[in-house]
């Protein structure tokens, strides 16, 4: 794949971005910059080297979930009312983006989450899968659905992957977070 740069959202032209999912397109075009600048979320943009045109983006924030994520999490955080996580709020790639960009962005998001984990106590990366097909993609990365049925948000399945598993996978495959 050609050289891709992933950087914080700035003056990137977002008006033509289209991943064919209206909620994701609208967020990126209309609300991403405001959300990024206010630190409500941090939005990262994937572009070709030397070009400001976004090929894809993802957004991260923190979120807590009540116990019921997994037996392992319950054992670690059972005495707490909430389990701290890095939450992948959205990820999208333009329909004209090169193949493999989704994987590149997920790896970058995992690297950022692991960096946060070194400085702040967080257990997992979490997200809500948009539909069953997207849920299968996340399952291929190692995400699992929550054990509690009420962990859905507007019908989207809540999913998680322990950051310890991400770190172990990176170590096994010789991927070294930056």
N, C-alpha and C. Protein backbone atom coordinates (compact mmCIF):
# COMPACT_ATOMS: atom_id res chain seq x y z
N UNK A 1 0.85 -1.18 0.00
CA UNK A 1 0.00 0.00 0.00
C UNK A 1 0.89 1.24 0.00
N UNK A 2 0.41 2.28 -0.63
CA UNK A 2 1.16 3.53 -0.68
C UNK A 2 1.33 4.11 0.73
N UNK A 3 2.21 5.08 0.87
CA UNK A 3 2.47 5.64 2.19
C UNK A 3 1.25 6.42 2.68
N UNK A 4 0.78 6.04 3.86
CA UNK A 4 -0.37 6.67 4.50
C UNK A 4 0.12 7.33 5.79
N UNK A 5 -0.34 8.55 6.02
CA UNK A 5 -0.02 9.29 7.23
C UNK A 5 -1.30 9.41 8.03
N UNK A 6 -1.22 9.12 9.32
CA UNK A 6 -2.38 9.29 10.20
C UNK A 6 -2.01 10.36 11.21
N UNK A 7 -2.81 11.43 11.21
CA UNK A 7 -2.50 12.60 12.01
C UNK A 7 -3.76 13.16 12.64
N UNK A 8 -3.62 14.00 13.67
CA UNK A 8 -4.79 14.62 14.27
C UNK A 8 -5.53 15.48 13.24
N UNK A 9 -6.84 15.52 13.36
CA UNK A 9 -7.67 16.32 12.47
C UNK A 9 -7.30 17.79 12.60
N UNK A 10 -7.19 18.44 11.46
CA UNK A 10 -6.90 19.88 11.40
C UNK A 10 -7.73 20.49 10.29
N UNK A 11 -7.06 21.20 9.40
CA UNK A 11 -7.75 21.86 8.29
C UNK A 11 -7.92 20.94 7.09
N UNK A 12 -8.21 19.69 7.34
CA UNK A 12 -8.40 18.73 6.25
C UNK A 12 -9.75 18.98 5.58
N UNK A 13 -9.81 18.96 4.26
CA UNK A 13 -11.09 19.15 3.57
C UNK A 13 -11.98 17.91 3.76
N UNK A 14 -13.13 18.10 4.42
CA UNK A 14 -13.96 16.95 4.78
C UNK A 14 -15.24 16.84 3.97
N UNK A 15 -15.56 17.85 3.18
CA UNK A 15 -16.85 17.91 2.49
C UNK A 15 -17.12 16.79 1.51
N UNK A 16 -16.11 16.25 0.87
CA UNK A 16 -16.32 15.19 -0.13
C UNK A 16 -16.22 13.79 0.44
N UNK A 17 -15.88 13.67 1.71
CA UNK A 17 -15.70 12.35 2.32
C UNK A 17 -17.00 11.57 2.25
N UNK A 18 -16.92 10.30 1.84
CA UNK A 18 -18.12 9.47 1.76
C UNK A 18 -17.75 8.00 1.99
N UNK A 19 -18.25 7.45 3.09
CA UNK A 19 -18.06 6.02 3.35
C UNK A 19 -19.38 5.27 3.15
N UNK A 20 -20.39 5.97 2.70
CA UNK A 20 -21.71 5.42 2.41
C UNK A 20 -22.53 5.05 3.65
N UNK A 21 -22.11 5.51 4.82
CA UNK A 21 -22.92 5.37 6.03
C UNK A 21 -23.22 6.79 6.52
N UNK A 22 -24.44 7.21 6.34
CA UNK A 22 -24.81 8.61 6.59
C UNK A 22 -24.41 9.12 7.98
N UNK A 23 -24.64 8.37 9.07
CA UNK A 23 -24.25 8.91 10.39
C UNK A 23 -22.74 9.17 10.50
N UNK A 24 -21.94 8.31 9.89
CA UNK A 24 -20.49 8.48 9.95
C UNK A 24 -20.06 9.63 9.05
N UNK A 25 -20.61 9.67 7.83
CA UNK A 25 -20.30 10.78 6.92
C UNK A 25 -20.68 12.12 7.55
N UNK A 26 -21.88 12.21 8.11
CA UNK A 26 -22.34 13.47 8.70
C UNK A 26 -21.47 13.88 9.89
N UNK A 27 -21.13 12.93 10.76
CA UNK A 27 -20.26 13.28 11.87
C UNK A 27 -18.95 13.87 11.36
N UNK A 28 -18.32 13.18 10.41
CA UNK A 28 -17.02 13.63 9.95
C UNK A 28 -17.10 14.98 9.25
N UNK A 29 -18.09 15.17 8.41
CA UNK A 29 -18.21 16.44 7.66
C UNK A 29 -18.60 17.61 8.56
N UNK A 30 -19.51 17.37 9.51
CA UNK A 30 -20.14 18.47 10.24
C UNK A 30 -19.59 18.66 11.66
N UNK A 31 -19.40 17.57 12.40
CA UNK A 31 -19.13 17.69 13.84
C UNK A 31 -17.73 17.29 14.29
N UNK A 32 -16.98 16.63 13.45
CA UNK A 32 -15.68 16.08 13.89
C UNK A 32 -14.72 17.16 14.38
N UNK A 33 -14.59 18.24 13.64
CA UNK A 33 -13.61 19.27 14.02
C UNK A 33 -13.99 19.92 15.35
N UNK A 34 -15.25 20.23 15.53
CA UNK A 34 -15.71 20.83 16.80
C UNK A 34 -15.45 19.86 17.95
N UNK A 35 -15.78 18.61 17.77
CA UNK A 35 -15.57 17.60 18.80
C UNK A 35 -14.09 17.43 19.11
N UNK A 36 -13.25 17.45 18.07
CA UNK A 36 -11.81 17.31 18.24
C UNK A 36 -11.22 18.51 19.00
N UNK A 37 -11.61 19.70 18.57
CA UNK A 37 -11.07 20.91 19.20
C UNK A 37 -11.49 21.06 20.65
N UNK A 38 -12.66 20.55 21.00
CA UNK A 38 -13.15 20.65 22.39
C UNK A 38 -12.63 19.52 23.26
N UNK A 39 -11.89 18.59 22.67
CA UNK A 39 -11.35 17.43 23.37
C UNK A 39 -12.44 16.47 23.86
N UNK A 40 -13.64 16.58 23.31
CA UNK A 40 -14.68 15.60 23.62
C UNK A 40 -14.27 14.24 23.05
N UNK A 41 -13.64 14.29 21.89
CA UNK A 41 -13.07 13.12 21.23
C UNK A 41 -11.79 13.59 20.56
N UNK A 42 -10.93 12.68 20.25
CA UNK A 42 -9.76 13.02 19.44
C UNK A 42 -9.95 12.30 18.12
N UNK A 43 -9.90 13.06 17.05
CA UNK A 43 -10.16 12.53 15.71
C UNK A 43 -8.84 12.49 14.95
N UNK A 44 -8.58 11.35 14.33
CA UNK A 44 -7.35 11.13 13.57
C UNK A 44 -7.71 10.81 12.13
N UNK A 45 -6.97 11.43 11.22
CA UNK A 45 -7.26 11.36 9.79
C UNK A 45 -6.15 10.61 9.07
N UNK A 46 -6.54 9.73 8.17
CA UNK A 46 -5.59 9.01 7.31
C UNK A 46 -5.58 9.68 5.94
N UNK A 47 -4.38 10.08 5.51
CA UNK A 47 -4.20 10.74 4.21
C UNK A 47 -3.01 10.13 3.49
N UNK A 48 -2.98 10.30 2.17
CA UNK A 48 -1.77 9.95 1.44
C UNK A 48 -0.68 10.94 1.86
N UNK A 49 0.55 10.48 1.93
CA UNK A 49 1.66 11.36 2.28
C UNK A 49 1.67 12.56 1.33
N UNK A 50 1.72 13.75 1.89
CA UNK A 50 1.78 14.98 1.10
C UNK A 50 0.42 15.52 0.68
N UNK A 51 -0.65 14.86 1.06
CA UNK A 51 -2.00 15.31 0.67
C UNK A 51 -2.84 15.52 1.92
N UNK A 52 -3.63 16.61 1.97
CA UNK A 52 -4.49 16.82 3.13
C UNK A 52 -5.85 16.13 3.01
N UNK A 53 -6.13 15.51 1.87
CA UNK A 53 -7.44 14.92 1.62
C UNK A 53 -7.63 13.64 2.44
N UNK A 54 -8.65 13.61 3.29
CA UNK A 54 -8.88 12.43 4.12
C UNK A 54 -9.33 11.22 3.31
N UNK A 55 -8.67 10.11 3.57
CA UNK A 55 -9.09 8.82 3.01
C UNK A 55 -9.91 8.05 4.04
N UNK A 56 -9.71 8.40 5.30
CA UNK A 56 -10.42 7.75 6.39
C UNK A 56 -10.15 8.49 7.69
N UNK A 57 -10.87 8.10 8.72
CA UNK A 57 -10.68 8.72 10.02
C UNK A 57 -11.16 7.75 11.09
N UNK A 58 -10.73 8.02 12.31
CA UNK A 58 -11.32 7.36 13.47
C UNK A 58 -11.28 8.35 14.61
N UNK A 59 -12.14 8.11 15.61
CA UNK A 59 -12.22 9.00 16.76
C UNK A 59 -12.18 8.17 18.04
N UNK A 60 -11.44 8.69 19.02
CA UNK A 60 -11.28 8.02 20.31
C UNK A 60 -11.70 8.95 21.45
N UNK A 61 -12.23 8.35 22.48
CA UNK A 61 -12.49 9.05 23.72
C UNK A 61 -12.40 8.00 24.84
N UNK A 62 -12.73 8.36 26.04
CA UNK A 62 -12.79 7.38 27.10
C UNK A 62 -14.25 7.12 27.44
N UNK A 63 -14.50 5.94 27.96
CA UNK A 63 -15.85 5.61 28.38
C UNK A 63 -15.73 4.57 29.48
N UNK A 64 -16.68 4.59 30.38
CA UNK A 64 -16.72 3.54 31.39
C UNK A 64 -17.95 2.67 31.13
N UNK A 65 -17.80 1.42 31.47
CA UNK A 65 -18.90 0.46 31.36
C UNK A 65 -19.09 -0.17 32.72
N UNK A 66 -20.32 -0.49 33.03
CA UNK A 66 -20.56 -1.17 34.30
C UNK A 66 -20.06 -2.61 34.21
N UNK A 67 -19.73 -3.22 35.33
CA UNK A 67 -19.30 -4.61 35.30
C UNK A 67 -20.31 -5.46 34.53
N UNK A 68 -19.81 -6.49 33.86
CA UNK A 68 -20.64 -7.32 33.00
C UNK A 68 -20.01 -7.42 31.62
N UNK A 69 -18.86 -6.74 31.45
CA UNK A 69 -18.14 -6.79 30.18
C UNK A 69 -17.62 -8.21 29.95
N UNK A 70 -16.94 -8.74 30.95
CA UNK A 70 -16.38 -10.08 30.86
C UNK A 70 -16.08 -10.56 32.27
N UNK A 71 -15.91 -11.86 32.43
CA UNK A 71 -15.55 -12.39 33.74
C UNK A 71 -14.21 -11.84 34.20
N UNK A 72 -13.23 -11.75 33.27
CA UNK A 72 -11.90 -11.22 33.61
C UNK A 72 -12.00 -9.78 34.11
N UNK A 73 -12.76 -8.95 33.39
CA UNK A 73 -12.91 -7.56 33.80
C UNK A 73 -13.63 -7.46 35.14
N UNK A 74 -14.64 -8.31 35.33
CA UNK A 74 -15.36 -8.28 36.60
C UNK A 74 -14.45 -8.63 37.77
N UNK A 75 -13.54 -9.58 37.56
CA UNK A 75 -12.59 -9.95 38.62
C UNK A 75 -11.66 -8.78 38.94
N UNK A 76 -11.20 -8.08 37.88
CA UNK A 76 -10.28 -6.96 38.09
C UNK A 76 -10.97 -5.74 38.69
N UNK A 77 -12.20 -5.46 38.21
CA UNK A 77 -12.86 -4.20 38.55
C UNK A 77 -14.16 -4.39 39.33
N UNK A 78 -14.39 -5.59 39.83
CA UNK A 78 -15.65 -5.90 40.51
C UNK A 78 -15.99 -4.96 41.64
N UNK A 79 -14.99 -4.42 42.32
CA UNK A 79 -15.27 -3.53 43.45
C UNK A 79 -15.56 -2.09 43.00
N UNK A 80 -15.40 -1.83 41.71
CA UNK A 80 -15.67 -0.50 41.17
C UNK A 80 -17.03 -0.47 40.49
N UNK A 81 -17.61 0.70 40.39
CA UNK A 81 -18.91 0.84 39.73
C UNK A 81 -18.77 0.86 38.21
N UNK A 82 -17.54 1.08 37.71
CA UNK A 82 -17.36 1.20 36.27
C UNK A 82 -15.97 0.70 35.87
N UNK A 83 -15.88 0.24 34.63
CA UNK A 83 -14.62 -0.26 34.07
C UNK A 83 -14.13 0.77 33.06
N UNK A 84 -12.92 1.32 33.24
CA UNK A 84 -12.41 2.36 32.33
C UNK A 84 -11.92 1.75 31.01
N UNK A 85 -12.28 2.41 29.89
CA UNK A 85 -11.88 1.93 28.57
C UNK A 85 -11.55 3.10 27.64
N UNK A 86 -10.84 2.77 26.57
CA UNK A 86 -10.68 3.67 25.43
C UNK A 86 -11.80 3.28 24.47
N UNK A 87 -12.60 4.24 24.08
CA UNK A 87 -13.78 3.98 23.26
C UNK A 87 -13.55 4.48 21.83
N UNK A 88 -13.65 3.57 20.88
CA UNK A 88 -13.57 3.92 19.46
C UNK A 88 -14.97 4.37 19.05
N UNK A 89 -15.16 5.69 18.99
CA UNK A 89 -16.51 6.22 18.74
C UNK A 89 -16.95 5.99 17.31
N UNK A 90 -16.03 6.18 16.38
CA UNK A 90 -16.33 5.99 14.96
C UNK A 90 -15.05 5.69 14.21
N UNK A 91 -15.23 4.96 13.12
CA UNK A 91 -14.14 4.74 12.17
C UNK A 91 -14.80 4.64 10.81
N UNK A 92 -14.20 5.28 9.85
CA UNK A 92 -14.76 5.23 8.49
C UNK A 92 -13.67 5.45 7.47
N UNK A 93 -13.84 4.78 6.33
CA UNK A 93 -12.90 5.00 5.23
C UNK A 93 -13.70 5.39 4.01
N UNK A 94 -13.17 6.34 3.29
CA UNK A 94 -13.81 6.81 2.07
C UNK A 94 -13.95 5.63 1.10
N UNK A 95 -15.05 5.61 0.36
CA UNK A 95 -15.28 4.48 -0.56
C UNK A 95 -14.20 4.36 -1.63
N UNK A 96 -13.42 5.42 -1.86
CA UNK A 96 -12.33 5.37 -2.84
C UNK A 96 -10.96 5.16 -2.20
N UNK A 97 -10.94 4.86 -0.92
CA UNK A 97 -9.67 4.65 -0.21
C UNK A 97 -9.03 3.33 -0.64
N UNK A 98 -7.70 3.25 -0.53
CA UNK A 98 -7.03 2.00 -0.92
C UNK A 98 -7.39 0.84 0.02
N UNK A 99 -7.34 -0.36 -0.52
CA UNK A 99 -7.58 -1.56 0.29
C UNK A 99 -6.55 -1.61 1.42
N UNK A 100 -6.98 -2.09 2.55
CA UNK A 100 -6.09 -2.21 3.69
C UNK A 100 -6.07 -1.00 4.60
N UNK A 101 -6.75 0.07 4.21
CA UNK A 101 -6.73 1.28 5.04
C UNK A 101 -7.42 1.05 6.39
N UNK A 102 -8.49 0.28 6.41
CA UNK A 102 -9.18 0.00 7.67
C UNK A 102 -8.25 -0.67 8.67
N UNK A 103 -7.49 -1.66 8.20
CA UNK A 103 -6.52 -2.34 9.06
C UNK A 103 -5.46 -1.36 9.56
N UNK A 104 -4.95 -0.53 8.67
CA UNK A 104 -3.94 0.46 9.05
C UNK A 104 -4.47 1.39 10.14
N UNK A 105 -5.72 1.84 9.99
CA UNK A 105 -6.29 2.74 10.99
C UNK A 105 -6.53 2.02 12.32
N UNK A 106 -6.99 0.76 12.27
CA UNK A 106 -7.21 0.01 13.52
C UNK A 106 -5.90 -0.20 14.26
N UNK A 107 -4.85 -0.56 13.53
CA UNK A 107 -3.55 -0.74 14.18
C UNK A 107 -3.08 0.55 14.83
N UNK A 108 -3.30 1.68 14.14
CA UNK A 108 -2.92 2.97 14.69
C UNK A 108 -3.74 3.28 15.94
N UNK A 109 -5.02 2.99 15.91
CA UNK A 109 -5.88 3.22 17.09
C UNK A 109 -5.42 2.35 18.26
N UNK A 110 -5.07 1.09 17.97
CA UNK A 110 -4.56 0.21 19.03
C UNK A 110 -3.26 0.78 19.62
N UNK A 111 -2.37 1.29 18.76
CA UNK A 111 -1.12 1.88 19.25
C UNK A 111 -1.40 3.05 20.18
N UNK A 112 -2.33 3.91 19.80
CA UNK A 112 -2.68 5.06 20.64
C UNK A 112 -3.27 4.60 21.97
N UNK A 113 -4.12 3.58 21.92
CA UNK A 113 -4.73 3.06 23.15
C UNK A 113 -3.67 2.47 24.07
N UNK A 114 -2.71 1.76 23.50
CA UNK A 114 -1.63 1.21 24.31
C UNK A 114 -0.78 2.30 24.93
N UNK A 115 -0.58 3.39 24.20
CA UNK A 115 0.16 4.53 24.74
C UNK A 115 -0.58 5.15 25.93
N UNK A 116 -1.88 5.30 25.81
CA UNK A 116 -2.68 5.82 26.92
C UNK A 116 -2.57 4.87 28.10
N UNK A 117 -2.66 3.57 27.83
CA UNK A 117 -2.60 2.54 28.89
C UNK A 117 -1.32 2.65 29.72
N UNK A 118 -0.24 3.11 29.12
CA UNK A 118 1.01 3.27 29.86
C UNK A 118 0.96 4.42 30.86
N UNK A 119 0.01 5.34 30.68
CA UNK A 119 -0.06 6.53 31.52
C UNK A 119 -1.35 6.68 32.31
N UNK A 120 -2.38 5.96 31.92
CA UNK A 120 -3.69 6.07 32.54
C UNK A 120 -4.27 4.66 32.66
N UNK A 121 -4.91 4.35 33.75
CA UNK A 121 -5.48 3.02 33.91
C UNK A 121 -6.71 2.81 33.04
N UNK A 122 -6.57 2.00 32.02
CA UNK A 122 -7.69 1.59 31.18
C UNK A 122 -7.56 0.09 30.91
N UNK A 123 -8.68 -0.58 30.84
CA UNK A 123 -8.69 -2.04 30.70
C UNK A 123 -8.75 -2.50 29.25
N UNK A 124 -9.58 -1.85 28.45
CA UNK A 124 -9.88 -2.38 27.12
C UNK A 124 -10.12 -1.27 26.12
N UNK A 125 -10.18 -1.65 24.85
CA UNK A 125 -10.74 -0.78 23.82
C UNK A 125 -12.16 -1.29 23.61
N UNK A 126 -13.11 -0.36 23.56
CA UNK A 126 -14.51 -0.71 23.39
C UNK A 126 -15.09 0.03 22.19
N UNK A 127 -16.22 -0.46 21.73
CA UNK A 127 -16.91 0.15 20.59
C UNK A 127 -18.32 -0.42 20.52
N UNK A 128 -19.10 0.13 19.65
CA UNK A 128 -20.41 -0.42 19.32
C UNK A 128 -20.41 -0.73 17.83
N UNK A 129 -20.69 -1.99 17.49
CA UNK A 129 -20.70 -2.42 16.09
C UNK A 129 -21.99 -1.92 15.43
N UNK A 130 -21.84 -1.31 14.26
CA UNK A 130 -22.95 -0.68 13.53
C UNK A 130 -23.97 -1.69 13.05
N UNK A 131 -23.51 -2.88 12.67
CA UNK A 131 -24.40 -3.93 12.19
C UNK A 131 -23.69 -5.28 12.30
N UNK A 132 -24.36 -6.36 11.90
CA UNK A 132 -23.80 -7.70 12.04
C UNK A 132 -22.53 -7.88 11.21
N UNK A 133 -22.47 -7.30 10.01
CA UNK A 133 -21.28 -7.42 9.17
C UNK A 133 -20.09 -6.74 9.83
N UNK A 134 -20.31 -5.57 10.38
CA UNK A 134 -19.25 -4.84 11.07
C UNK A 134 -18.83 -5.60 12.34
N UNK A 135 -19.80 -6.20 13.03
CA UNK A 135 -19.48 -6.99 14.21
C UNK A 135 -18.52 -8.13 13.84
N UNK A 136 -18.74 -8.78 12.71
CA UNK A 136 -17.85 -9.86 12.27
C UNK A 136 -16.44 -9.35 11.99
N UNK A 137 -16.33 -8.17 11.44
CA UNK A 137 -15.00 -7.58 11.18
C UNK A 137 -14.27 -7.38 12.51
N UNK A 138 -14.97 -6.80 13.50
CA UNK A 138 -14.33 -6.58 14.79
C UNK A 138 -14.00 -7.89 15.49
N UNK A 139 -14.84 -8.89 15.34
CA UNK A 139 -14.54 -10.20 15.92
C UNK A 139 -13.25 -10.77 15.33
N UNK A 140 -12.99 -10.50 14.06
CA UNK A 140 -11.75 -10.96 13.43
C UNK A 140 -10.53 -10.30 14.07
N UNK A 141 -10.70 -9.10 14.62
CA UNK A 141 -9.62 -8.42 15.34
C UNK A 141 -9.46 -8.95 16.76
N UNK A 142 -10.43 -9.72 17.24
CA UNK A 142 -10.37 -10.25 18.59
C UNK A 142 -11.38 -9.63 19.55
N UNK A 143 -12.21 -8.71 19.06
CA UNK A 143 -13.23 -8.12 19.91
C UNK A 143 -14.28 -9.17 20.26
N UNK A 144 -14.84 -9.03 21.47
CA UNK A 144 -15.91 -9.91 21.93
C UNK A 144 -17.09 -9.05 22.33
N UNK A 145 -18.28 -9.64 22.28
CA UNK A 145 -19.45 -8.90 22.75
C UNK A 145 -19.51 -8.98 24.27
N UNK A 146 -20.12 -7.99 24.86
CA UNK A 146 -20.27 -7.95 26.31
C UNK A 146 -21.12 -9.12 26.77
N UNK A 147 -20.93 -9.54 28.01
CA UNK A 147 -21.72 -10.65 28.53
C UNK A 147 -23.12 -10.20 28.92
N UNK A 148 -23.31 -8.94 29.18
CA UNK A 148 -24.62 -8.43 29.57
C UNK A 148 -25.41 -8.01 28.34
N UNK A 149 -26.65 -8.48 28.23
CA UNK A 149 -27.49 -8.16 27.08
C UNK A 149 -27.84 -6.68 27.01
N UNK A 150 -27.82 -6.01 28.16
CA UNK A 150 -28.22 -4.59 28.16
C UNK A 150 -27.07 -3.66 27.78
N UNK A 151 -25.98 -4.19 27.28
CA UNK A 151 -24.84 -3.36 26.91
C UNK A 151 -24.92 -2.90 25.46
N UNK A 152 -26.12 -2.83 24.89
CA UNK A 152 -26.32 -2.33 23.53
C UNK A 152 -26.63 -0.84 23.60
N UNK A 153 -26.22 -0.11 22.58
CA UNK A 153 -26.52 1.31 22.48
C UNK A 153 -27.29 1.51 21.19
N UNK A 154 -28.57 1.87 21.29
CA UNK A 154 -29.41 2.08 20.12
C UNK A 154 -29.38 0.88 19.17
N UNK A 155 -29.33 -0.32 19.71
CA UNK A 155 -29.34 -1.52 18.88
C UNK A 155 -27.98 -1.97 18.40
N UNK A 156 -26.93 -1.21 18.69
CA UNK A 156 -25.58 -1.59 18.27
C UNK A 156 -24.95 -2.46 19.36
N UNK A 157 -24.30 -3.54 18.97
CA UNK A 157 -23.66 -4.44 19.93
C UNK A 157 -22.44 -3.80 20.55
N UNK A 158 -22.38 -3.80 21.87
CA UNK A 158 -21.20 -3.33 22.59
C UNK A 158 -20.15 -4.42 22.52
N UNK A 159 -18.92 -4.04 22.19
CA UNK A 159 -17.83 -4.99 22.04
C UNK A 159 -16.59 -4.45 22.74
N UNK A 160 -15.66 -5.36 23.08
CA UNK A 160 -14.44 -4.96 23.76
C UNK A 160 -13.31 -5.91 23.38
N UNK A 161 -12.09 -5.41 23.55
CA UNK A 161 -10.89 -6.25 23.48
C UNK A 161 -9.96 -5.75 24.59
N UNK A 162 -9.54 -6.64 25.49
CA UNK A 162 -8.61 -6.21 26.54
C UNK A 162 -7.31 -5.68 25.92
N UNK A 163 -6.82 -4.57 26.43
CA UNK A 163 -5.59 -4.01 25.89
C UNK A 163 -4.39 -4.92 26.18
N UNK A 164 -4.49 -5.75 27.21
CA UNK A 164 -3.43 -6.73 27.45
C UNK A 164 -3.34 -7.71 26.28
N UNK A 165 -4.46 -8.08 25.69
CA UNK A 165 -4.47 -8.97 24.51
C UNK A 165 -3.88 -8.26 23.30
N UNK A 166 -4.19 -6.99 23.14
CA UNK A 166 -3.63 -6.22 22.02
C UNK A 166 -2.12 -6.14 22.16
N UNK A 167 -1.65 -5.82 23.37
CA UNK A 167 -0.20 -5.72 23.60
C UNK A 167 0.47 -7.07 23.33
N UNK A 168 -0.13 -8.16 23.77
CA UNK A 168 0.45 -9.49 23.54
C UNK A 168 0.50 -9.82 22.05
N UNK A 169 -0.54 -9.48 21.32
CA UNK A 169 -0.56 -9.72 19.87
C UNK A 169 0.51 -8.90 19.18
N UNK A 170 0.64 -7.63 19.57
CA UNK A 170 1.69 -6.80 18.97
C UNK A 170 3.06 -7.41 19.25
N UNK A 171 3.27 -7.90 20.47
CA UNK A 171 4.58 -8.50 20.84
C UNK A 171 4.84 -9.77 20.02
N UNK A 172 3.80 -10.59 19.85
CA UNK A 172 3.95 -11.85 19.09
C UNK A 172 4.25 -11.61 17.62
N UNK A 173 3.70 -10.55 17.07
CA UNK A 173 3.86 -10.28 15.64
C UNK A 173 4.96 -9.27 15.35
N UNK A 174 5.68 -8.90 16.38
CA UNK A 174 6.78 -7.93 16.26
C UNK A 174 6.32 -6.56 15.82
N UNK A 175 5.06 -6.24 16.03
CA UNK A 175 4.58 -4.87 15.78
C UNK A 175 4.91 -4.08 17.03
N UNK A 176 5.68 -3.05 16.89
CA UNK A 176 6.09 -2.26 18.05
C UNK A 176 5.36 -0.92 17.98
N UNK A 177 4.49 -0.63 18.98
CA UNK A 177 3.84 0.67 18.99
C UNK A 177 4.86 1.80 19.00
N UNK A 178 4.56 2.85 18.29
CA UNK A 178 5.44 4.01 18.18
C UNK A 178 5.45 4.80 19.46
